[in-house]
């Protein structure tokens, strides 16, 4: 069995993903520092829909964090898990389409 090396664009994309994952805690800190909220949350508050909102299905990583970990470490773990899951699904779909 021969091992083939990844094309240059794959290595570049992997490095870009790694950089974004490592920077995720900084993005989380910055969004908290400026008081950023999702636009849908603003719309829900403006229409009064936020008052009646409730969680029906708890998320795997609520608010991009991991319960029990600090905000920076939780965001980093969330970024690693989310990126790995997304990349895994994309690679699997690509291999299915390649056949």
PDB file of N, CA and C in Angstrom:
ATOM      1  N   UNK A   1       0.854  -1.171   0.000  1.00  0.00           N
ATOM      2  CA  UNK A   1       0.000   0.000   0.000  1.00  0.00           C
ATOM      3  C   UNK A   1       0.902   1.236   0.000  1.00  0.00           C
ATOM      4  N   UNK A   2       0.593   2.158  -0.877  1.00  0.00           N
ATOM      5  CA  UNK A   2       1.373   3.392  -0.939  1.00  0.00           C
ATOM      6  C   UNK A   2       0.618   4.508  -0.245  1.00  0.00           C
ATOM      7  N   UNK A   3       1.376   5.391   0.340  1.00  0.00           N
ATOM      8  CA  UNK A   3       0.793   6.548   1.012  1.00  0.00           C
ATOM      9  C   UNK A   3       1.024   7.747   0.112  1.00  0.00           C
ATOM     10  N   UNK A   4      -0.058   8.397  -0.270  1.00  0.00           N
ATOM     11  CA  UNK A   4       0.105   9.576  -1.108  1.00  0.00           C
ATOM     12  C   UNK A   4      -0.045  10.822  -0.241  1.00  0.00           C
ATOM     13  N   UNK A   5       0.732  11.833  -0.600  1.00  0.00           N
ATOM     14  CA  UNK A   5       0.671  13.059   0.185  1.00  0.00           C
ATOM     15  C   UNK A   5      -0.519  13.902  -0.270  1.00  0.00           C
ATOM     16  N   UNK A   6      -0.999  14.696   0.636  1.00  0.00           N
ATOM     17  CA  UNK A   6      -2.151  15.551   0.345  1.00  0.00           C
ATOM     18  C   UNK A   6      -1.723  16.692  -0.576  1.00  0.00           C
ATOM     19  N   UNK A   7      -2.633  17.110  -1.454  1.00  0.00           N
ATOM     20  CA  UNK A   7      -2.316  18.263  -2.303  1.00  0.00           C
ATOM     21  C   UNK A   7      -2.071  19.509  -1.456  1.00  0.00           C
ATOM     22  N   UNK A   8      -1.400  20.478  -2.047  1.00  0.00           N
ATOM     23  CA  UNK A   8      -1.050  21.702  -1.322  1.00  0.00           C
ATOM     24  C   UNK A   8      -2.288  22.426  -0.802  1.00  0.00           C
ATOM     25  N   UNK A   9      -3.386  22.429  -1.560  1.00  0.00           N
ATOM     26  CA  UNK A   9      -4.572  23.153  -1.112  1.00  0.00           C
ATOM     27  C   UNK A   9      -5.190  22.496   0.119  1.00  0.00           C
ATOM     28  N   UNK A  10      -5.040  21.165   0.243  1.00  0.00           N
ATOM     29  CA  UNK A  10      -5.585  20.470   1.410  1.00  0.00           C
ATOM     30  C   UNK A  10      -4.771  20.845   2.655  1.00  0.00           C
ATOM     31  N   UNK A  11      -3.452  20.885   2.507  1.00  0.00           N
ATOM     32  CA  UNK A  11      -2.614  21.292   3.636  1.00  0.00           C
ATOM     33  C   UNK A  11      -2.911  22.737   4.030  1.00  0.00           C
ATOM     34  N   UNK A  12      -3.080  23.610   3.044  1.00  0.00           N
ATOM     35  CA  UNK A  12      -3.391  25.015   3.328  1.00  0.00           C
ATOM     36  C   UNK A  12      -4.737  25.174   4.015  1.00  0.00           C
ATOM     37  N   UNK A  13      -5.728  24.420   3.551  1.00  0.00           N
ATOM     38  CA  UNK A  13      -7.057  24.481   4.169  1.00  0.00           C
ATOM     39  C   UNK A  13      -7.007  23.948   5.598  1.00  0.00           C
ATOM     40  N   UNK A  14      -6.243  22.886   5.817  1.00  0.00           N
ATOM     41  CA  UNK A  14      -6.100  22.340   7.166  1.00  0.00           C
ATOM     42  C   UNK A  14      -5.436  23.326   8.112  1.00  0.00           C
ATOM     43  N   UNK A  15      -4.411  24.023   7.631  1.00  0.00           N
ATOM     44  CA  UNK A  15      -3.748  25.032   8.460  1.00  0.00           C
ATOM     45  C   UNK A  15      -4.683  26.199   8.767  1.00  0.00           C
ATOM     46  N   UNK A  16      -5.497  26.576   7.789  1.00  0.00           N
ATOM     47  CA  UNK A  16      -6.473  27.654   8.001  1.00  0.00           C
ATOM     48  C   UNK A  16      -7.504  27.242   9.060  1.00  0.00           C
ATOM     49  N   UNK A  17      -8.006  26.018   8.971  1.00  0.00           N
ATOM     50  CA  UNK A  17      -8.953  25.521   9.977  1.00  0.00           C
ATOM     51  C   UNK A  17      -8.309  25.478  11.358  1.00  0.00           C
ATOM     52  N   UNK A  18      -7.075  25.018  11.425  1.00  0.00           N
ATOM     53  CA  UNK A  18      -6.375  24.965  12.697  1.00  0.00           C
ATOM     54  C   UNK A  18      -6.223  26.367  13.300  1.00  0.00           C
ATOM     55  N   UNK A  19      -5.870  27.337  12.469  1.00  0.00           N
ATOM     56  CA  UNK A  19      -5.728  28.713  12.956  1.00  0.00           C
ATOM     57  C   UNK A  19      -7.049  29.249  13.490  1.00  0.00           C
ATOM     58  N   UNK A  20      -8.151  28.976  12.783  1.00  0.00           N
ATOM     59  CA  UNK A  20      -9.458  29.446  13.247  1.00  0.00           C
ATOM     60  C   UNK A  20      -9.873  28.777  14.555  1.00  0.00           C
ATOM     61  N   UNK A  21      -9.572  27.493  14.693  1.00  0.00           N
ATOM     62  CA  UNK A  21      -9.896  26.784  15.934  1.00  0.00           C
ATOM     63  C   UNK A  21      -9.105  27.375  17.096  1.00  0.00           C
ATOM     64  N   UNK A  22      -7.821  27.632  16.882  1.00  0.00           N
ATOM     65  CA  UNK A  22      -6.986  28.187  17.941  1.00  0.00           C
ATOM     66  C   UNK A  22      -7.446  29.600  18.312  1.00  0.00           C
ATOM     67  N   UNK A  23      -7.931  30.360  17.332  1.00  0.00           N
ATOM     68  CA  UNK A  23      -8.384  31.729  17.591  1.00  0.00           C
ATOM     69  C   UNK A  23      -9.818  31.811  18.130  1.00  0.00           C
ATOM     70  N   UNK A  24     -10.542  30.714  18.166  1.00  0.00           N
ATOM     71  CA  UNK A  24     -11.942  30.720  18.606  1.00  0.00           C
ATOM     72  C   UNK A  24     -12.133  31.350  19.988  1.00  0.00           C
ATOM     73  N   UNK A  25     -11.287  31.043  20.978  1.00  0.00           N
ATOM     74  CA  UNK A  25     -11.481  31.710  22.279  1.00  0.00           C
ATOM     75  C   UNK A  25     -11.326  33.231  22.197  1.00  0.00           C
ATOM     76  N   UNK A  26     -10.439  33.702  21.344  1.00  0.00           N
ATOM     77  CA  UNK A  26     -10.278  35.155  21.187  1.00  0.00           C
ATOM     78  C   UNK A  26     -11.530  35.769  20.574  1.00  0.00           C
ATOM     79  N   UNK A  27     -12.131  35.078  19.605  1.00  0.00           N
ATOM     80  CA  UNK A  27     -13.374  35.572  19.013  1.00  0.00           C
ATOM     81  C   UNK A  27     -14.491  35.592  20.055  1.00  0.00           C
ATOM     82  N   UNK A  28     -14.550  34.565  20.901  1.00  0.00           N
ATOM     83  CA  UNK A  28     -15.579  34.515  21.945  1.00  0.00           C
ATOM     84  C   UNK A  28     -15.387  35.655  22.941  1.00  0.00           C
ATOM     85  N   UNK A  29     -14.147  35.901  23.335  1.00  0.00           N
ATOM     86  CA  UNK A  29     -13.874  37.006  24.257  1.00  0.00           C
ATOM     87  C   UNK A  29     -14.259  38.340  23.633  1.00  0.00           C
ATOM     88  N   UNK A  30     -13.888  38.537  22.369  1.00  0.00           N
ATOM     89  CA  UNK A  30     -14.185  39.802  21.695  1.00  0.00           C
ATOM     90  C   UNK A  30     -15.687  40.021  21.556  1.00  0.00           C
ATOM     91  N   UNK A  31     -16.442  38.969  21.260  1.00  0.00           N
ATOM     92  CA  UNK A  31     -17.893  39.144  21.128  1.00  0.00           C
ATOM     93  C   UNK A  31     -18.518  39.513  22.471  1.00  0.00           C
ATOM     94  N   UNK A  32     -17.994  38.974  23.549  1.00  0.00           N
ATOM     95  CA  UNK A  32     -18.488  39.349  24.868  1.00  0.00           C
ATOM     96  C   UNK A  32     -18.092  40.763  25.244  1.00  0.00           C
ATOM     97  N   UNK A  33     -16.891  41.172  24.821  1.00  0.00           N
ATOM     98  CA  UNK A  33     -16.400  42.512  25.157  1.00  0.00           C
ATOM     99  C   UNK A  33     -17.210  43.614  24.491  1.00  0.00           C
ATOM    100  N   UNK A  34     -17.727  43.341  23.297  1.00  0.00           N
ATOM    101  CA  UNK A  34     -18.510  44.365  22.586  1.00  0.00           C
ATOM    102  C   UNK A  34     -20.010  44.163  22.760  1.00  0.00           C
ATOM    103  N   UNK A  35     -20.408  43.113  23.495  1.00  0.00           N
ATOM    104  CA  UNK A  35     -21.832  42.875  23.734  1.00  0.00           C
ATOM    105  C   UNK A  35     -22.567  42.332  22.517  1.00  0.00           C
ATOM    106  N   UNK A  36     -21.884  41.541  21.702  1.00  0.00           N
ATOM    107  CA  UNK A  36     -22.500  40.989  20.503  1.00  0.00           C
ATOM    108  C   UNK A  36     -23.576  39.971  20.860  1.00  0.00           C
ATOM    109  N   UNK A  37     -24.680  40.018  20.154  1.00  0.00           N
ATOM    110  CA  UNK A  37     -25.729  39.002  20.263  1.00  0.00           C
ATOM    111  C   UNK A  37     -26.177  38.653  18.853  1.00  0.00           C
ATOM    112  N   UNK A  38     -26.637  37.450  18.679  1.00  0.00           N
ATOM    113  CA  UNK A  38     -27.098  36.997  17.369  1.00  0.00           C
ATOM    114  C   UNK A  38     -28.265  37.861  16.898  1.00  0.00           C
ATOM    115  N   UNK A  39     -28.326  38.190  15.612  1.00  0.00           N
ATOM    116  CA  UNK A  39     -29.426  39.016  15.097  1.00  0.00           C
ATOM    117  C   UNK A  39     -30.806  38.420  15.373  1.00  0.00           C
ATOM    118  N   UNK A  40     -30.906  37.104  15.353  1.00  0.00           N
ATOM    119  CA  UNK A  40     -32.195  36.474  15.625  1.00  0.00           C
ATOM    120  C   UNK A  40     -32.634  36.721  17.071  1.00  0.00           C
ATOM    121  N   UNK A  41     -31.670  36.804  17.982  1.00  0.00           N
ATOM    122  CA  UNK A  41     -32.004  37.116  19.373  1.00  0.00           C
ATOM    123  C   UNK A  41     -32.540  38.541  19.492  1.00  0.00           C
ATOM    124  N   UNK A  42     -31.955  39.484  18.734  1.00  0.00           N
ATOM    125  CA  UNK A  42     -32.462  40.858  18.719  1.00  0.00           C
ATOM    126  C   UNK A  42     -33.889  40.904  18.182  1.00  0.00           C
ATOM    127  N   UNK A  43     -34.138  40.170  17.104  1.00  0.00           N
ATOM    128  CA  UNK A  43     -35.476  40.155  16.507  1.00  0.00           C
ATOM    129  C   UNK A  43     -36.489  39.541  17.474  1.00  0.00           C
ATOM    130  N   UNK A  44     -36.090  38.482  18.160  1.00  0.00           N
ATOM    131  CA  UNK A  44     -36.998  37.848  19.122  1.00  0.00           C
ATOM    132  C   UNK A  44     -37.315  38.788  20.278  1.00  0.00           C
ATOM    133  N   UNK A  45     -36.313  39.518  20.733  1.00  0.00           N
ATOM    134  CA  UNK A  45     -36.545  40.464  21.827  1.00  0.00           C
ATOM    135  C   UNK A  45     -37.429  41.623  21.372  1.00  0.00           C
ATOM    136  N   UNK A  46     -37.216  42.092  20.160  1.00  0.00           N
ATOM    137  CA  UNK A  46     -37.991  43.229  19.649  1.00  0.00           C
ATOM    138  C   UNK A  46     -39.455  42.877  19.443  1.00  0.00           C
ATOM    139  N   UNK A  47     -39.743  41.631  19.098  1.00  0.00           N
ATOM    140  CA  UNK A  47     -41.121  41.225  18.846  1.00  0.00           C
ATOM    141  C   UNK A  47     -41.802  40.627  20.076  1.00  0.00           C
ATOM    142  N   UNK A  48     -41.046  40.441  21.151  1.00  0.00           N
ATOM    143  CA  UNK A  48     -41.608  39.845  22.355  1.00  0.00           C
ATOM    144  C   UNK A  48     -41.592  38.332  22.338  1.00  0.00           C
ATOM    145  N   UNK A  49     -41.048  37.737  21.286  1.00  0.00           N
ATOM    146  CA  UNK A  49     -41.017  36.281  21.191  1.00  0.00           C
ATOM    147  C   UNK A  49     -40.042  35.665  22.189  1.00  0.00           C
ATOM    148  N   UNK A  50     -39.052  36.413  22.618  1.00  0.00           N
ATOM    149  CA  UNK A  50     -38.065  35.881  23.559  1.00  0.00           C
ATOM    150  C   UNK A  50     -38.701  35.562  24.915  1.00  0.00           C
ATOM    151  N   UNK A  51     -39.781  36.252  25.256  1.00  0.00           N
ATOM    152  CA  UNK A  51     -40.446  36.011  26.541  1.00  0.00           C
ATOM    153  C   UNK A  51     -41.066  34.625  26.609  1.00  0.00           C
ATOM    154  N   UNK A  52     -41.494  34.100  25.473  1.00  0.00           N
ATOM    155  CA  UNK A  52     -42.151  32.798  25.431  1.00  0.00           C
ATOM    156  C   UNK A  52     -41.229  31.682  24.972  1.00  0.00           C
ATOM    157  N   UNK A  53     -39.951  31.969  24.790  1.00  0.00           N
ATOM    158  CA  UNK A  53     -39.017  30.971  24.276  1.00  0.00           C
ATOM    159  C   UNK A  53     -38.674  29.957  25.349  1.00  0.00           C
ATOM    160  N   UNK A  54     -38.460  28.740  24.910  1.00  0.00           N
ATOM    161  CA  UNK A  54     -38.061  27.671  25.814  1.00  0.00           C
ATOM    162  C   UNK A  54     -37.245  26.650  25.046  1.00  0.00           C
ATOM    163  N   UNK A  55     -36.382  25.961  25.746  1.00  0.00           N
ATOM    164  CA  UNK A  55     -35.557  24.943  25.111  1.00  0.00           C
ATOM    165  C   UNK A  55     -36.326  23.643  25.059  1.00  0.00           C
ATOM    166  N   UNK A  56     -36.506  23.117  23.866  1.00  0.00           N
ATOM    167  CA  UNK A  56     -37.188  21.835  23.733  1.00  0.00           C
ATOM    168  C   UNK A  56     -36.190  20.693  23.620  1.00  0.00           C
ATOM    169  N   UNK A  57     -35.100  20.939  22.933  1.00  0.00           N
ATOM    170  CA  UNK A  57     -34.056  19.927  22.796  1.00  0.00           C
ATOM    171  C   UNK A  57     -32.735  20.580  23.193  1.00  0.00           C
ATOM    172  N   UNK A  58     -32.129  20.147  24.282  1.00  0.00           N
ATOM    173  CA  UNK A  58     -30.864  20.769  24.685  1.00  0.00           C
ATOM    174  C   UNK A  58     -29.776  20.477  23.660  1.00  0.00           C
ATOM    175  N   UNK A  59     -28.933  21.444  23.415  1.00  0.00           N
ATOM    176  CA  UNK A  59     -27.882  21.286  22.425  1.00  0.00           C
ATOM    177  C   UNK A  59     -26.706  20.496  22.954  1.00  0.00           C
ATOM    178  N   UNK A  60     -25.936  19.947  22.030  1.00  0.00           N
ATOM    179  CA  UNK A  60     -24.734  19.215  22.389  1.00  0.00           C
ATOM    180  C   UNK A  60     -23.708  20.167  23.011  1.00  0.00           C
ATOM    181  N   UNK A  61     -23.569  21.347  22.417  1.00  0.00           N
ATOM    182  CA  UNK A  61     -22.642  22.367  22.909  1.00  0.00           C
ATOM    183  C   UNK A  61     -23.404  23.686  23.004  1.00  0.00           C
ATOM    184  N   UNK A  62     -24.200  23.885  24.057  1.00  0.00           N
ATOM    185  CA  UNK A  62     -25.029  25.093  24.139  1.00  0.00           C
ATOM    186  C   UNK A  62     -24.188  26.368  24.185  1.00  0.00           C
ATOM    187  N   UNK A  63     -24.569  27.338  23.370  1.00  0.00           N
ATOM    188  CA  UNK A  63     -23.872  28.621  23.290  1.00  0.00           C
ATOM    189  C   UNK A  63     -22.381  28.454  23.008  1.00  0.00           C
ATOM    190  N   UNK A  64     -22.026  27.442  22.221  1.00  0.00           N
ATOM    191  CA  UNK A  64     -20.631  27.192  21.829  1.00  0.00           C
ATOM    192  C   UNK A  64     -19.714  27.043  23.030  1.00  0.00           C
ATOM    193  N   UNK A  65     -20.195  26.351  24.044  1.00  0.00           N
ATOM    194  CA  UNK A  65     -19.394  26.152  25.245  1.00  0.00           C
ATOM    195  C   UNK A  65     -19.577  24.712  25.724  1.00  0.00           C
ATOM    196  N   UNK A  66     -18.784  24.341  26.706  1.00  0.00           N
ATOM    197  CA  UNK A  66     -18.894  23.022  27.318  1.00  0.00           C
ATOM    198  C   UNK A  66     -19.181  23.238  28.793  1.00  0.00           C
ATOM    199  N   UNK A  67     -20.328  22.746  29.272  1.00  0.00           N
ATOM    200  CA  UNK A  67     -20.659  22.936  30.686  1.00  0.00           C
ATOM    201  C   UNK A  67     -19.545  22.389  31.589  1.00  0.00           C
ATOM    202  N   UNK A  68     -19.166  23.177  32.590  1.00  0.00           N
ATOM    203  CA  UNK A  68     -18.132  22.763  33.521  1.00  0.00           C
ATOM    204  C   UNK A  68     -16.749  23.291  33.189  1.00  0.00           C
ATOM    205  N   UNK A  69     -16.573  23.778  31.982  1.00  0.00           N
ATOM    206  CA  UNK A  69     -15.287  24.367  31.602  1.00  0.00           C
ATOM    207  C   UNK A  69     -15.429  25.882  31.561  1.00  0.00           C
ATOM    208  N   UNK A  70     -14.321  26.562  31.700  1.00  0.00           N
ATOM    209  CA  UNK A  70     -14.342  28.015  31.607  1.00  0.00           C
ATOM    210  C   UNK A  70     -14.710  28.450  30.195  1.00  0.00           C
ATOM    211  N   UNK A  71     -15.029  29.729  30.010  1.00  0.00           N
ATOM    212  CA  UNK A  71     -15.465  30.180  28.688  1.00  0.00           C
ATOM    213  C   UNK A  71     -14.414  29.999  27.593  1.00  0.00           C
ATOM    214  N   UNK A  72     -13.158  30.270  27.883  1.00  0.00           N
ATOM    215  CA  UNK A  72     -12.129  30.141  26.845  1.00  0.00           C
ATOM    216  C   UNK A  72     -11.875  28.684  26.486  1.00  0.00           C
ATOM    217  N   UNK A  73     -11.681  27.843  27.500  1.00  0.00           N
ATOM    218  CA  UNK A  73     -11.424  26.429  27.244  1.00  0.00           C
ATOM    219  C   UNK A  73     -12.654  25.753  26.653  1.00  0.00           C
ATOM    220  N   UNK A  74     -13.832  26.120  27.126  1.00  0.00           N
ATOM    221  CA  UNK A  74     -15.067  25.559  26.575  1.00  0.00           C
ATOM    222  C   UNK A  74     -15.259  25.910  25.116  1.00  0.00           C
ATOM    223  N   UNK A  75     -14.929  27.149  24.761  1.00  0.00           N
ATOM    224  CA  UNK A  75     -15.032  27.563  23.362  1.00  0.00           C
ATOM    225  C   UNK A  75     -14.020  26.825  22.505  1.00  0.00           C
ATOM    226  N   UNK A  76     -12.811  26.623  23.018  1.00  0.00           N
ATOM    227  CA  UNK A  76     -11.789  25.890  22.268  1.00  0.00           C
ATOM    228  C   UNK A  76     -12.221  24.445  22.029  1.00  0.00           C
ATOM    229  N   UNK A  77     -12.720  23.793  23.063  1.00  0.00           N
ATOM    230  CA  UNK A  77     -13.185  22.403  22.922  1.00  0.00           C
ATOM    231  C   UNK A  77     -14.355  22.345  21.954  1.00  0.00           C
ATOM    232  N   UNK A  78     -15.271  23.294  22.059  1.00  0.00           N
ATOM    233  CA  UNK A  78     -16.409  23.353  21.148  1.00  0.00           C
ATOM    234  C   UNK A  78     -15.948  23.531  19.701  1.00  0.00           C
ATOM    235  N   UNK A  79     -14.937  24.372  19.496  1.00  0.00           N
ATOM    236  CA  UNK A  79     -14.408  24.589  18.141  1.00  0.00           C
ATOM    237  C   UNK A  79     -13.766  23.323  17.601  1.00  0.00           C
ATOM    238  N   UNK A  80     -13.017  22.618  18.433  1.00  0.00           N
ATOM    239  CA  UNK A  80     -12.369  21.378  17.989  1.00  0.00           C
ATOM    240  C   UNK A  80     -13.415  20.330  17.630  1.00  0.00           C
ATOM    241  N   UNK A  81     -14.410  20.143  18.495  1.00  0.00           N
ATOM    242  CA  UNK A  81     -15.452  19.138  18.254  1.00  0.00           C
ATOM    243  C   UNK A  81     -16.268  19.495  17.012  1.00  0.00           C
ATOM    244  N   UNK A  82     -16.699  20.744  16.903  1.00  0.00           N
ATOM    245  CA  UNK A  82     -17.498  21.153  15.748  1.00  0.00           C
ATOM    246  C   UNK A  82     -16.745  21.045  14.439  1.00  0.00           C
ATOM    247  N   UNK A  83     -15.478  21.447  14.446  1.00  0.00           N
ATOM    248  CA  UNK A  83     -14.673  21.352  13.233  1.00  0.00           C
ATOM    249  C   UNK A  83     -14.431  19.899  12.851  1.00  0.00           C
ATOM    250  N   UNK A  84     -14.131  19.064  13.831  1.00  0.00           N
ATOM    251  CA  UNK A  84     -13.891  17.647  13.544  1.00  0.00           C
ATOM    252  C   UNK A  84     -15.143  16.966  12.996  1.00  0.00           C
ATOM    253  N   UNK A  85     -16.300  17.250  13.601  1.00  0.00           N
ATOM    254  CA  UNK A  85     -17.544  16.652  13.105  1.00  0.00           C
ATOM    255  C   UNK A  85     -17.860  17.107  11.687  1.00  0.00           C
ATOM    256  N   UNK A  86     -17.739  18.397  11.441  1.00  0.00           N
ATOM    257  CA  UNK A  86     -18.036  18.929  10.108  1.00  0.00           C
ATOM    258  C   UNK A  86     -17.061  18.386   9.074  1.00  0.00           C
ATOM    259  N   UNK A  87     -15.779  18.360   9.407  1.00  0.00           N
ATOM    260  CA  UNK A  87     -14.780  17.847   8.486  1.00  0.00           C
ATOM    261  C   UNK A  87     -14.990  16.362   8.228  1.00  0.00           C
ATOM    262  N   UNK A  88     -15.336  15.613   9.264  1.00  0.00           N
ATOM    263  CA  UNK A  88     -15.602  14.187   9.093  1.00  0.00           C
ATOM    264  C   UNK A  88     -16.769  13.915   8.159  1.00  0.00           C
ATOM    265  N   UNK A  89     -17.856  14.658   8.334  1.00  0.00           N
ATOM    266  CA  UNK A  89     -19.019  14.489   7.451  1.00  0.00           C
ATOM    267  C   UNK A  89     -18.666  14.886   6.017  1.00  0.00           C
ATOM    268  N   UNK A  90     -17.927  15.975   5.865  1.00  0.00           N
ATOM    269  CA  UNK A  90     -17.554  16.435   4.519  1.00  0.00           C
ATOM    270  C   UNK A  90     -16.647  15.431   3.815  1.00  0.00           C
ATOM    271  N   UNK A  91     -15.672  14.887   4.531  1.00  0.00           N
ATOM    272  CA  UNK A  91     -14.765  13.894   3.935  1.00  0.00           C
ATOM    273  C   UNK A  91     -15.527  12.631   3.580  1.00  0.00           C
ATOM    274  N   UNK A  92     -16.416  12.189   4.460  1.00  0.00           N
ATOM    275  CA  UNK A  92     -17.211  10.982   4.177  1.00  0.00           C
ATOM    276  C   UNK A  92     -18.104  11.197   2.947  1.00  0.00           C
ATOM    277  N   UNK A  93     -18.737  12.355   2.868  1.00  0.00           N
ATOM    278  CA  UNK A  93     -19.582  12.641   1.704  1.00  0.00           C
ATOM    279  C   UNK A  93     -18.748  12.717   0.432  1.00  0.00           C
ATOM    280  N   UNK A  94     -17.560  13.303   0.525  1.00  0.00           N
ATOM    281  CA  UNK A  94     -16.680  13.380  -0.632  1.00  0.00           C
ATOM    282  C   UNK A  94     -16.253  12.006  -1.111  1.00  0.00           C
ATOM    283  N   UNK A  95     -15.953  11.126  -0.179  1.00  0.00           N
ATOM    284  CA  UNK A  95     -15.550   9.758  -0.569  1.00  0.00           C
ATOM    285  C   UNK A  95     -16.698   8.996  -1.188  1.00  0.00           C
ATOM    286  N   UNK A  96     -17.904   9.198  -0.681  1.00  0.00           N
ATOM    287  CA  UNK A  96     -19.077   8.547  -1.286  1.00  0.00           C
ATOM    288  C   UNK A  96     -19.305   9.045  -2.706  1.00  0.00           C
ATOM    289  N   UNK A  97     -19.148  10.338  -2.895  1.00  0.00           N
ATOM    290  CA  UNK A  97     -19.349  10.908  -4.228  1.00  0.00           C
ATOM    291  C   UNK A  97     -18.230  10.528  -5.195  1.00  0.00           C
ATOM    292  N   UNK A  98     -17.048  10.261  -4.662  1.00  0.00           N
ATOM    293  CA  UNK A  98     -15.900   9.902  -5.471  1.00  0.00           C
ATOM    294  C   UNK A  98     -16.053   8.517  -6.093  1.00  0.00           C
ATOM    295  N   UNK A  99     -16.772   7.646  -5.431  1.00  0.00           N
ATOM    296  CA  UNK A  99     -16.928   6.257  -5.919  1.00  0.00           C
ATOM    297  C   UNK A  99     -17.788   6.162  -7.131  1.00  0.00           C
TER     298      UNK A  99
END
